[in-house]
Amino acid sequence: MVFQKDFDDTISRFEKLEKRGSFYPMFLNLIEKGFRVEAFLFILSTWNFASFRYAMKEFDVNDFKNTIKQLDPHFNKFRNKDFKKINLDDYKKDIIYIFNILSKIKGIQATGSSKLIHLTVPSVFVMWDGYIRKHYNFKNGNAEDYFNLLKKMQKEFSNTKFLNKDRTFAKAIDQYNYVKITLPQLESKKRK
């Protein structure tokens, strides 16, 4: 269980610690203006660079557009839903289906999938990375792990309040995890 003061303090530190955080409103703005694929490519090239850079030469944008379009009926089921209130079990098949489709695309994989899913429905989906998966003991990085991470985050943050119009609660959880888990791991790796 996460304590409110720790949550609030950690979220306030995110912007100071992660300069790429300023890109996030740009991703959302692109989507709002109808440039979803461009927003996806932007997030993949900045926040999923470690994987995406190796796939860029062969990345088929038209195929990607078609894949995203085919996922829209599944994504639409989450519109107007809220991370704290949604019964994830009711949507398990859709979450697993979406994740499986996106994670099979070279350059997107497990980490990029969570980012694209989040950008599509930021009020419901939390992002993850390899450090976060490992910390919460989700070793496979597959769709089942992602679904279980969402359930775990709902439970861990169930008593946490977040009232900020600049980002969703799901995004705030991502920022908390990033500051508490990912950044210390990256720093440790740098020192070695």
Foldseek 3Di string as FASTA:
>chain_A
DDDQVLLVVLLVCLVVVDVCVVCVVVLLVCVVVPNNLVSLVVCLCPVVVVFQVVCVVVDDSVVVVVLVVVLVVLLVVCPPHALLPDPLVVNLVSQQVQQQSQLVDGSQHLQNSQVSSCSSPVRHGAGDDPQLCVVVVNPPSHSVSRSVVSVVLSVVCNVYDDDDPVGHPSDSSNSSCCSVTVVVVVVVVVVD
